[in-house]
Amino acid sequence: MLVNKDNKRKSFIVYITGGFPDLKTTKKLILGLDKAGVDVIEIGVPFSDPVADGPTIQESSFYALQKGVTLKKILKMTKELRGEINAAVVLMGYYNSFLKYGLSKFVTGCKNNGIDGIIIPDLVPEESCTLSKLAKENGLAMVFLIAPNSSEKRIRLAASRSSGFLYCVSVKGITGQRKKLPDISKYISKVRKITKLPLAVGFGVSNNAQAGHFLKKADGVIVGSAVIKIIKDNIKNKPVEKVVRFVKSLRKGF
């Protein structure tokens, strides 16, 4: 499992956009996040139409694309880093980019280059048979997303196709920081009755209080937009140091 279900140790998942602001900085970020105690590093593969992402992550994706960042370059980077980090590495990206690359080539590329799992926000479980089969054959976790308005049928299907953990979106809509977060108690309780998979909650977490709010019920928390904003605001002013400091402050709350 990518996420620990032991209540004594909650899992910390951090999202970064691969190649933002450049691949050299991304490498340093991954090393820094690992040393800061992050359990799972989620690397976003830049895509021209990231429908699940808010403005902050969208901008970082477009920036990386303009810099010529590709899936192939990201996989080369993860292969170089794999022996240096303890954290699990998960690729997050959009289905069309992987389909264009070639699903079999994509999955074997992940397997051979240090990737532990795959998250594809625009791939619904009903249409995932081919990729899920390839992932299972190659020892990769497939992680599907559910939302507060997901039906019991959809949750069961997503859970049956997921391994590693189930990604519980905290709110309807796109990624991004939020001042007020919802009460997820009933939502998580409903999901717990359906699956024994670890549950990680994401979308909107940007401080200790918010992380703690979700971790009362979930097994892990996912932080993304807040990290990307720090990088964006400090591109020329030690972004890695600023991100690591922020992540360490969050980790203390777990």
Protein backbone atom coordinates (compact mmCIF):
# COMPACT_ATOMS: atom_id res chain seq x y z
CA MET A 1 0.00 0.00 0.00
CA LEU A 2 1.24 3.50 -0.81
CA VAL A 3 -0.68 4.97 2.13
CA ASN A 4 -0.41 3.62 5.66
CA LYS A 5 -3.62 2.70 7.50
CA ASP A 6 -1.86 2.73 10.88
CA ASN A 7 -3.52 5.53 12.87
CA LYS A 8 -0.23 6.23 14.63
CA ARG A 9 1.37 7.30 11.37
CA LYS A 10 -0.69 9.27 8.89
CA SER A 11 0.63 9.55 5.34
CA PHE A 12 1.75 12.81 3.79
CA ILE A 13 1.43 13.15 0.01
CA VAL A 14 2.81 16.16 -1.84
CA TYR A 15 2.10 17.11 -5.45
CA ILE A 16 4.57 18.96 -7.65
CA THR A 17 4.38 19.66 -11.37
CA GLY A 18 7.19 17.89 -13.21
CA GLY A 19 9.52 20.45 -14.78
CA PHE A 20 8.17 23.50 -12.96
CA PRO A 21 10.07 25.75 -13.05
CA ASP A 22 12.59 23.32 -14.62
CA LEU A 23 13.64 19.68 -14.28
CA LYS A 24 16.79 20.54 -12.32
CA THR A 25 14.67 22.25 -9.66
CA THR A 26 12.16 19.38 -9.72
CA LYS A 27 14.98 16.94 -8.89
CA LYS A 28 16.05 19.09 -5.96
CA LEU A 29 12.44 19.37 -4.80
CA ILE A 30 11.99 15.59 -4.84
CA LEU A 31 15.16 15.06 -2.81
CA GLY A 32 14.11 17.79 -0.38
CA LEU A 33 10.58 16.45 0.03
CA ASP A 34 11.92 12.98 0.72
CA LYS A 35 14.25 14.27 3.43
CA ALA A 36 11.40 16.33 4.90
CA GLY A 37 9.42 13.15 5.60
CA VAL A 38 6.98 13.07 2.69
CA ASP A 39 5.63 9.54 2.18
CA VAL A 40 4.39 9.83 -1.40
CA ILE A 41 5.59 12.31 -4.01
CA GLU A 42 3.02 12.92 -6.72
CA ILE A 43 4.59 14.22 -9.93
CA GLY A 44 2.23 15.94 -12.32
CA VAL A 45 2.89 15.33 -16.01
CA PRO A 46 2.30 18.67 -17.80
CA PHE A 47 -0.73 18.65 -20.10
CA SER A 48 -2.34 21.32 -22.27
CA ASP A 49 -5.86 20.84 -20.87
CA PRO A 50 -5.64 19.87 -17.17
CA VAL A 51 -9.39 19.85 -16.47
CA ALA A 52 -9.23 18.84 -12.78
CA ASP A 53 -6.69 21.51 -11.85
CA GLY A 54 -7.23 25.03 -10.63
CA PRO A 55 -5.40 28.11 -11.96
CA THR A 56 -2.24 27.62 -9.87
CA ILE A 57 -1.48 24.11 -11.11
CA GLN A 58 -2.70 24.90 -14.63
CA GLU A 59 -0.21 27.76 -14.90
CA SER A 60 2.63 25.55 -13.68
CA SER A 61 1.70 22.92 -16.26
CA PHE A 62 1.67 25.42 -19.12
CA TYR A 63 4.99 26.85 -17.92
CA ALA A 64 6.60 23.41 -17.95
CA LEU A 65 5.23 22.62 -21.41
CA GLN A 66 6.73 25.84 -22.74
CA LYS A 67 10.06 24.70 -21.30
CA GLY A 68 9.82 21.51 -23.35
CA VAL A 69 9.10 19.13 -20.47
CA THR A 70 7.80 15.74 -21.60
CA LEU A 71 6.78 12.44 -20.02
CA LYS A 72 9.96 10.87 -21.37
CA LYS A 73 12.12 13.50 -19.65
CA ILE A 74 10.24 13.05 -16.38
CA LEU A 75 10.73 9.27 -16.46
CA LYS A 76 14.44 9.75 -17.12
CA MET A 77 14.61 11.99 -14.07
CA THR A 78 12.75 9.56 -11.78
CA LYS A 79 15.03 6.72 -12.84
CA GLU A 80 18.06 8.79 -11.83
CA LEU A 81 16.51 9.60 -8.44
CA ARG A 82 14.99 6.25 -7.48
CA GLY A 83 17.99 4.95 -5.58
CA GLU A 84 18.34 8.17 -3.61
CA ILE A 85 14.86 8.46 -2.07
CA ASN A 86 12.63 6.41 0.22
CA ALA A 87 9.32 8.04 -0.69
CA ALA A 88 6.97 6.34 -3.12
CA VAL A 89 6.63 8.14 -6.45
CA VAL A 90 3.30 8.42 -8.24
CA LEU A 91 2.67 9.98 -11.65
CA MET A 92 -0.45 12.09 -12.06
CA GLY A 93 -1.53 12.99 -15.55
CA TYR A 94 -4.30 13.05 -18.12
CA TYR A 95 -5.40 10.05 -20.11
CA ASN A 96 -4.97 11.45 -23.62
CA SER A 97 -1.28 12.18 -23.08
CA PHE A 98 -0.65 8.59 -21.96
CA LEU A 99 -2.83 7.14 -24.72
CA LYS A 100 -0.86 9.13 -27.29
CA TYR A 101 2.40 7.89 -25.75
CA GLY A 102 1.11 4.30 -25.91
CA LEU A 103 -0.43 2.65 -22.84
CA SER A 104 1.84 -0.39 -22.83
CA LYS A 105 4.92 1.76 -23.41
CA PHE A 106 3.76 4.13 -20.68
CA VAL A 107 3.24 1.41 -18.07
CA THR A 108 6.51 -0.40 -18.77
CA GLY A 109 8.23 2.99 -18.76
CA CYS A 110 6.82 3.67 -15.31
CA LYS A 111 7.88 0.25 -14.06
CA ASN A 112 11.42 0.61 -15.38
CA ASN A 113 11.94 4.17 -14.20
CA GLY A 114 11.07 4.14 -10.52
CA ILE A 115 7.34 4.88 -10.55
CA ASP A 116 5.14 3.15 -7.96
CA GLY A 117 1.67 4.25 -9.02
CA ILE A 118 -0.53 6.17 -11.43
CA ILE A 119 -3.33 8.71 -10.92
CA ILE A 120 -5.41 9.80 -13.92
CA PRO A 121 -8.16 12.21 -12.82
CA ASP A 122 -10.04 12.16 -16.13
CA LEU A 123 -10.12 8.35 -16.44
CA VAL A 124 -13.29 6.85 -15.01
CA PRO A 125 -13.13 3.30 -13.60
CA GLU A 126 -15.62 2.03 -16.20
CA GLU A 127 -13.15 2.81 -19.00
CA SER A 128 -9.98 1.74 -17.22
CA CYS A 129 -9.89 -2.00 -17.94
CA THR A 130 -6.92 -1.96 -20.33
CA LEU A 131 -4.75 0.35 -18.25
CA SER A 132 -5.72 -1.27 -14.94
CA LYS A 133 -4.75 -4.69 -16.32
CA LEU A 134 -1.39 -3.39 -17.58
CA ALA A 135 -0.69 -1.65 -14.29
CA LYS A 136 -1.47 -4.77 -12.27
CA GLU A 137 0.74 -6.91 -14.50
CA ASN A 138 3.62 -4.49 -13.96
CA GLY A 139 3.20 -4.04 -10.21
CA LEU A 140 1.96 -0.45 -10.36
CA ALA A 141 -0.75 0.94 -8.11
CA MET A 142 -3.77 2.52 -9.82
CA VAL A 143 -5.44 5.26 -7.82
CA PHE A 144 -8.92 6.50 -8.68
CA LEU A 145 -10.69 9.61 -7.45
CA ILE A 146 -14.06 9.90 -5.76
CA ALA A 147 -15.95 13.00 -4.63
CA PRO A 148 -18.47 13.85 -1.89
CA ASN A 149 -21.31 13.47 -4.41
CA SER A 150 -20.12 10.08 -5.74
CA SER A 151 -22.79 7.40 -5.60
CA GLU A 152 -22.28 4.20 -3.64
CA LYS A 153 -22.04 2.34 -6.95
CA ARG A 154 -19.29 4.68 -8.20
CA ILE A 155 -17.36 4.41 -4.91
CA ARG A 156 -17.52 0.59 -5.05
CA LEU A 157 -16.27 0.56 -8.63
CA ALA A 158 -13.46 3.06 -7.96
CA ALA A 159 -12.39 1.10 -4.89
CA SER A 160 -12.46 -2.22 -6.75
CA ARG A 161 -10.13 -0.81 -9.43
CA SER A 162 -7.84 1.07 -7.02
CA SER A 163 -4.77 -0.13 -5.20
CA GLY A 164 -2.38 1.83 -3.02
CA PHE A 165 -5.09 4.16 -1.75
CA LEU A 166 -8.36 5.80 -2.74
CA TYR A 167 -8.14 9.52 -3.55
CA CYS A 168 -11.02 11.27 -1.78
CA VAL A 169 -11.59 14.72 -3.25
CA SER A 170 -12.70 16.95 -0.38
CA VAL A 171 -14.94 19.23 -2.43
CA LYS A 172 -16.69 19.27 -5.79
CA GLY A 173 -14.73 21.18 -8.41
CA ILE A 174 -11.08 21.80 -9.21
CA THR A 175 -7.88 21.84 -7.17
CA GLY A 176 -6.81 24.94 -5.27
CA GLN A 177 -6.38 26.47 -1.84
CA ARG A 178 -9.54 27.18 0.15
CA LYS A 179 -10.11 29.27 3.26
CA LYS A 180 -12.94 27.07 4.52
CA LEU A 181 -12.98 23.30 4.23
CA PRO A 182 -16.01 21.02 4.50
CA ASP A 183 -16.84 18.54 7.22
CA ILE A 184 -15.89 15.23 5.64
CA SER A 185 -17.02 12.98 8.52
CA LYS A 186 -20.13 11.54 6.84
CA TYR A 187 -18.38 11.29 3.48
CA ILE A 188 -15.42 9.33 4.85
CA SER A 189 -17.65 7.16 7.04
CA LYS A 190 -19.68 6.21 3.96
CA VAL A 191 -16.53 5.27 2.05
CA ARG A 192 -15.14 3.27 4.99
CA LYS A 193 -18.24 1.08 4.94
CA ILE A 194 -17.53 0.22 1.30
CA THR A 195 -13.76 -0.35 1.18
CA LYS A 196 -10.82 -1.25 3.38
CA LEU A 197 -8.40 0.70 1.19
CA PRO A 198 -6.50 3.55 2.86
CA LEU A 199 -8.17 6.91 2.20
CA ALA A 200 -6.20 10.04 1.32
CA VAL A 201 -7.95 13.40 1.12
CA GLY A 202 -6.93 16.19 -1.23
CA PHE A 203 -8.01 19.49 -2.83
CA GLY A 204 -7.69 22.61 -0.67
CA VAL A 205 -5.12 21.80 2.03
CA SER A 206 -2.69 24.65 2.69
CA ASN A 207 -1.91 24.74 6.43
CA ASN A 208 -1.56 22.67 9.61
CA ALA A 209 -5.12 23.27 10.76
CA GLN A 210 -6.57 22.09 7.46
CA ALA A 211 -4.34 19.02 7.35
CA GLY A 212 -5.32 18.16 10.91
CA HIS A 213 -8.98 18.69 10.04
CA PHE A 214 -8.83 15.97 7.39
CA LEU A 215 -6.49 13.62 9.24
CA LYS A 216 -9.00 13.15 12.05
CA LYS A 217 -10.89 10.93 9.60
CA ALA A 218 -8.55 10.03 6.73
CA ASP A 219 -5.35 7.97 6.52
CA GLY A 220 -3.44 10.56 4.55
CA VAL A 221 -3.58 14.09 3.21
CA ILE A 222 -2.55 15.47 -0.19
CA VAL A 223 -1.08 18.96 -0.58
CA GLY A 224 -0.53 20.44 -4.03
CA SER A 225 -1.61 23.97 -4.94
CA ALA A 226 -0.06 25.49 -1.80
CA VAL A 227 3.32 23.99 -2.74
CA ILE A 228 3.07 25.11 -6.37
CA LYS A 229 2.22 28.65 -5.22
CA ILE A 230 5.36 28.77 -3.06
CA ILE A 231 7.46 27.69 -6.04
CA LYS A 232 5.77 30.26 -8.28
CA ASP A 233 6.25 33.10 -5.78
CA ASN A 234 9.91 32.21 -5.23
CA ILE A 235 11.16 31.02 -8.63
CA LYS A 236 14.29 33.15 -8.34
CA ASN A 237 14.50 33.11 -4.56
CA LYS A 238 15.37 29.61 -3.27
CA PRO A 239 12.08 27.84 -4.06
CA VAL A 240 13.33 24.44 -2.85
CA GLU A 241 14.28 25.77 0.58
CA LYS A 242 10.94 27.57 0.94
CA VAL A 243 8.96 24.47 -0.04
CA VAL A 244 10.93 22.18 2.28
CA ARG A 245 10.41 24.60 5.18
CA PHE A 246 6.66 24.67 4.50
CA VAL A 247 6.42 20.90 4.18
CA LYS A 248 8.35 20.33 7.41
CA SER A 249 5.96 22.66 9.24
CA LEU A 250 3.00 20.63 7.94
CA ARG A 251 4.64 17.30 8.75
CA LYS A 252 4.83 18.30 12.43
CA GLY A 253 1.05 18.29 12.56
CA PHE A 254 0.76 14.61 11.62
